[in-house]
C-alpha atoms as a PDB file:
ATOM      1  CA  MET A   1      -6.020 -10.145  15.830  1.00  0.00           C
ATOM      2  CA  ASP A   2      -3.714  -8.081  13.622  1.00  0.00           C
ATOM      3  CA  MET A   3      -0.743  -9.418  11.618  1.00  0.00           C
ATOM      4  CA  ALA A   4       1.756  -7.737  13.988  1.00  0.00           C
ATOM      5  CA  ASP A   5       0.563 -10.195  16.642  1.00  0.00           C
ATOM      6  CA  SER A   6       0.587 -13.264  14.433  1.00  0.00           C
ATOM      7  CA  MET A   7       3.878 -12.643  12.496  1.00  0.00           C
ATOM      8  CA  GLU A   8       7.321 -12.378  14.014  1.00  0.00           C
ATOM      9  CA  SER A   9       9.878 -10.100  12.447  1.00  0.00           C
ATOM     10  CA  THR A  10      12.531 -12.425  11.128  1.00  0.00           C
ATOM     11  CA  GLY A  11      15.024  -9.815   9.796  1.00  0.00           C
ATOM     12  CA  SER A  12      15.889 -12.024   6.815  1.00  0.00           C
ATOM     13  CA  GLN A  13      16.841  -9.986   3.741  1.00  0.00           C
ATOM     14  CA  GLU A  14      16.923 -10.641  -0.005  1.00  0.00           C
ATOM     15  CA  PRO A  15      18.207  -8.463  -2.800  1.00  0.00           C
ATOM     16  CA  LEU A  16      15.843  -6.655  -5.168  1.00  0.00           C
ATOM     17  CA  SER A  17      15.117  -8.130  -8.512  1.00  0.00           C
ATOM     18  CA  PRO A  18      16.355  -6.180 -11.556  1.00  0.00           C
ATOM     19  CA  ALA A  19      12.799  -4.900 -12.176  1.00  0.00           C
ATOM     20  CA  ALA A  20      12.411  -3.780  -8.579  1.00  0.00           C
ATOM     21  CA  ARG A  21      15.739  -1.951  -8.675  1.00  0.00           C
ATOM     22  CA  LEU A  22      14.461  -0.110 -11.802  1.00  0.00           C
ATOM     23  CA  PHE A  23      11.197   0.877 -10.054  1.00  0.00           C
ATOM     24  CA  HIS A  24      13.216   2.386  -7.166  1.00  0.00           C
ATOM     25  CA  ALA A  25      15.799   4.227  -9.284  1.00  0.00           C
ATOM     26  CA  PRO A  26      16.206   7.975  -8.695  1.00  0.00           C
ATOM     27  CA  ARG A  27      13.660  10.073 -10.476  1.00  0.00           C
ATOM     28  CA  PHE A  28      11.659   6.984 -11.376  1.00  0.00           C
ATOM     29  CA  ASN A  29       8.647   6.849  -9.015  1.00  0.00           C
ATOM     30  CA  CYS A  30       6.421   4.006 -10.255  1.00  0.00           C
ATOM     31  CA  THR A  31       3.201   3.254  -8.391  1.00  0.00           C
ATOM     32  CA  ILE A  32       0.466   0.854  -9.458  1.00  0.00           C
ATOM     33  CA  LEU A  33      -2.947   2.376  -8.814  1.00  0.00           C
ATOM     34  CA  THR A  34      -6.280   0.570  -9.210  1.00  0.00           C
ATOM     35  CA  ALA A  35      -9.769   1.981  -8.738  1.00  0.00           C
ATOM     36  CA  ILE A  36     -12.602  -0.413  -8.028  1.00  0.00           C
ATOM     37  CA  GLY A  37     -16.256   0.722  -7.735  1.00  0.00           C
ATOM     38  CA  CYS A  38     -18.895  -1.158  -5.818  1.00  0.00           C
ATOM     39  CA  LYS A  39     -22.662  -1.034  -6.042  1.00  0.00           C
ATOM     40  CA  THR A  40     -23.015  -1.720  -2.376  1.00  0.00           C
ATOM     41  CA  SER A  41     -21.398  -0.161   0.650  1.00  0.00           C
ATOM     42  CA  ILE A  42     -17.947  -1.501   1.591  1.00  0.00           C
ATOM     43  CA  ASN A  43     -17.407  -3.014   4.987  1.00  0.00           C
ATOM     44  CA  PRO A  44     -13.760  -2.097   5.910  1.00  0.00           C
ATOM     45  CA  GLY A  45     -13.686  -4.850   8.560  1.00  0.00           C
ATOM     46  CA  VAL A  46     -14.455  -7.512   6.099  1.00  0.00           C
ATOM     47  CA  ILE A  47     -11.797  -6.077   3.646  1.00  0.00           C
ATOM     48  CA  LYS A  48      -9.145  -6.101   6.467  1.00  0.00           C
ATOM     49  CA  MET A  49      -9.959  -9.657   7.473  1.00  0.00           C
ATOM     50  CA  GLY A  50      -9.749 -10.774   3.880  1.00  0.00           C
ATOM     51  CA  LEU A  51      -6.403  -9.074   3.392  1.00  0.00           C
ATOM     52  CA  GLU A  52      -5.060 -10.772   6.580  1.00  0.00           C
ATOM     53  CA  GLN A  53      -6.172 -14.187   5.345  1.00  0.00           C
ATOM     54  CA  THR A  54      -4.945 -13.849   1.738  1.00  0.00           C
ATOM     55  CA  LEU A  55      -2.662 -10.936   0.752  1.00  0.00           C
ATOM     56  CA  MET A  56      -0.459 -11.264   3.887  1.00  0.00           C
ATOM     57  CA  LYS A  57       0.512 -14.767   2.852  1.00  0.00           C
ATOM     58  CA  HIS A  58       2.232 -13.355  -0.234  1.00  0.00           C
ATOM     59  CA  PRO A  59       5.844 -12.511   0.679  1.00  0.00           C
ATOM     60  CA  ARG A  60       5.969  -9.241  -1.246  1.00  0.00           C
ATOM     61  CA  PHE A  61       3.167  -7.788   0.870  1.00  0.00           C
ATOM     62  CA  SER A  62       4.853  -8.625   4.133  1.00  0.00           C
ATOM     63  CA  LYS A  63       8.359  -7.288   3.323  1.00  0.00           C
ATOM     64  CA  LYS A  64       9.606  -3.766   3.489  1.00  0.00           C
ATOM     65  CA  LEU A  65      12.344  -2.105   1.480  1.00  0.00           C
ATOM     66  CA  VAL A  66      15.508  -1.354   3.403  1.00  0.00           C
ATOM     67  CA  ILE A  67      18.630   0.521   2.404  1.00  0.00           C
ATOM     68  CA  ASP A  68      21.783  -1.436   3.328  1.00  0.00           C
ATOM     69  CA  ASP A  69      24.578   1.153   3.554  1.00  0.00           C
ATOM     70  CA  ASN A  70      28.122  -0.157   3.597  1.00  0.00           C
ATOM     71  CA  LYS A  71      31.560   0.877   2.468  1.00  0.00           C
ATOM     72  CA  CYS A  72      30.850  -0.249  -1.118  1.00  0.00           C
ATOM     73  CA  GLY A  73      27.715   1.977  -1.318  1.00  0.00           C
ATOM     74  CA  SER A  74      24.003   1.499  -0.770  1.00  0.00           C
ATOM     75  CA  LYS A  75      22.071  -1.562  -1.674  1.00  0.00           C
ATOM     76  CA  LEU A  76      18.239  -2.007  -1.624  1.00  0.00           C
ATOM     77  CA  LYS A  77      16.947  -5.191  -0.031  1.00  0.00           C
ATOM     78  CA  TRP A  78      13.597  -6.675   0.979  1.00  0.00           C
ATOM     79  CA  GLU A  79      13.315  -7.441   4.736  1.00  0.00           C
ATOM     80  CA  SER A  80      10.568  -9.569   6.295  1.00  0.00           C
ATOM     81  CA  THR A  81       8.552  -7.631   8.856  1.00  0.00           C
ATOM     82  CA  ALA A  82       5.440  -7.882  10.979  1.00  0.00           C
ATOM     83  CA  VAL A  83       2.445  -6.325   9.162  1.00  0.00           C
ATOM     84  CA  ASN A  84      -0.419  -4.467  10.827  1.00  0.00           C
ATOM     85  CA  VAL A  85      -3.106  -4.241   8.107  1.00  0.00           C
ATOM     86  CA  GLU A  86      -4.550  -1.227   9.878  1.00  0.00           C
ATOM     87  CA  ASP A  87      -1.425   0.721   8.935  1.00  0.00           C
ATOM     88  CA  HIS A  88      -2.114   0.167   5.231  1.00  0.00           C
ATOM     89  CA  ILE A  89      -5.887   0.899   5.078  1.00  0.00           C
ATOM     90  CA  MET A  90      -6.820   4.566   4.609  1.00  0.00           C
ATOM     91  CA  GLU A  91     -10.426   5.753   5.078  1.00  0.00           C
ATOM     92  CA  PRO A  92     -10.460   9.511   4.572  1.00  0.00           C
ATOM     93  CA  ASP A  93     -13.471  11.496   5.781  1.00  0.00           C
ATOM     94  CA  LEU A  94     -15.338  12.808   2.710  1.00  0.00           C
ATOM     95  CA  ASP A  95     -17.851  15.608   2.340  1.00  0.00           C
ATOM     96  CA  PRO A  96     -21.146  13.863   1.475  1.00  0.00           C
ATOM     97  CA  TYR A  97     -22.294  17.022  -0.239  1.00  0.00           C
ATOM     98  CA  MET A  98     -19.346  17.566  -2.575  1.00  0.00           C
ATOM     99  CA  ASP A  99     -20.233  19.056  -5.934  1.00  0.00           C
ATOM    100  CA  SER A 100     -18.296  16.583  -8.165  1.00  0.00           C
ATOM    101  CA  PRO A 101     -17.591  13.187  -6.636  1.00  0.00           C
ATOM    102  CA  ASP A 102     -16.227  11.806  -9.944  1.00  0.00           C
ATOM    103  CA  GLN A 103     -13.691  14.671 -10.168  1.00  0.00           C
ATOM    104  CA  PHE A 104     -12.814  14.220  -6.528  1.00  0.00           C
ATOM    105  CA  VAL A 105     -11.966  10.537  -7.127  1.00  0.00           C
ATOM    106  CA  GLU A 106      -9.883  11.410 -10.182  1.00  0.00           C
ATOM    107  CA  ASP A 107      -7.983  14.089  -8.207  1.00  0.00           C
ATOM    108  CA  TYR A 108      -7.518  11.843  -5.225  1.00  0.00           C
ATOM    109  CA  ILE A 109      -5.953   9.093  -7.393  1.00  0.00           C
ATOM    110  CA  SER A 110      -3.822  11.574  -9.269  1.00  0.00           C
ATOM    111  CA  ASN A 111      -2.501  12.968  -5.990  1.00  0.00           C
ATOM    112  CA  LEU A 112      -1.667   9.458  -4.745  1.00  0.00           C
ATOM    113  CA  SER A 113       0.695   8.964  -7.712  1.00  0.00           C
ATOM    114  CA  SER A 114       2.739  11.990  -6.584  1.00  0.00           C
ATOM    115  CA  ILE A 115       3.239  10.919  -2.971  1.00  0.00           C
ATOM    116  CA  PRO A 116       6.000   8.408  -2.289  1.00  0.00           C
ATOM    117  CA  LEU A 117       5.108   5.387  -0.196  1.00  0.00           C
ATOM    118  CA  ASP A 118       6.273   5.124   3.403  1.00  0.00           C
ATOM    119  CA  LEU A 119       9.487   3.005   3.474  1.00  0.00           C
ATOM    120  CA  SER A 120       8.979   2.081   7.144  1.00  0.00           C
ATOM    121  CA  LYS A 121       6.368  -0.484   6.145  1.00  0.00           C
ATOM    122  CA  PRO A 122       5.686  -2.834   3.198  1.00  0.00           C
ATOM    123  CA  LEU A 123       5.024  -0.818   0.026  1.00  0.00           C
ATOM    124  CA  TRP A 124       1.287  -1.048  -0.397  1.00  0.00           C
ATOM    125  CA  GLU A 125      -1.796   0.787   0.682  1.00  0.00           C
ATOM    126  CA  MET A 126      -5.564   0.535   0.241  1.00  0.00           C
ATOM    127  CA  HIS A 127      -7.699   3.674   0.205  1.00  0.00           C
ATOM    128  CA  ILE A 128     -11.462   3.186   0.832  1.00  0.00           C
ATOM    129  CA  LEU A 129     -13.482   6.120  -0.438  1.00  0.00           C
ATOM    130  CA  LYS A 130     -17.060   5.835   0.801  1.00  0.00           C
ATOM    131  CA  ARG A 131     -18.717   8.020  -1.770  1.00  0.00           C
ATOM    132  CA  GLN A 132     -21.335   7.362  -4.486  1.00  0.00           C
ATOM    133  CA  ASN A 133     -20.128   8.599  -7.844  1.00  0.00           C
ATOM    134  CA  ILE A 134     -21.522   8.384 -11.369  1.00  0.00           C
ATOM    135  CA  GLY A 135     -18.886   5.862 -12.488  1.00  0.00           C
ATOM    136  CA  CYS A 136     -19.934   3.335  -9.794  1.00  0.00           C
END
């Protein structure tokens, strides 16, 4: 069962905190990136189930950023929404014979920092790279 089935969109909104407003200011694209290496193969199904049972209970991971346009200007607000964990998990197909897996991971993460997150859903993603590299 995905979170879209178990959560109902309430439409309730709350204003952004001062820190959140700063992170979304023009020309200030702040993204938190974390890389975790595992000695064993990752089971995406287990990861997804764990996210549904834990992370989805935290309000910030089940709200999306909305722009409230009115006659006084635009205001950014958080809006509760149904979350489908599948929409947030990325599993790119990787070349198992790539020459430099460590460099690939570095380039992949660097590229993520230059791509804005999709505002149509809560602002988080998990990328699962199934590739053995020297650092892991």
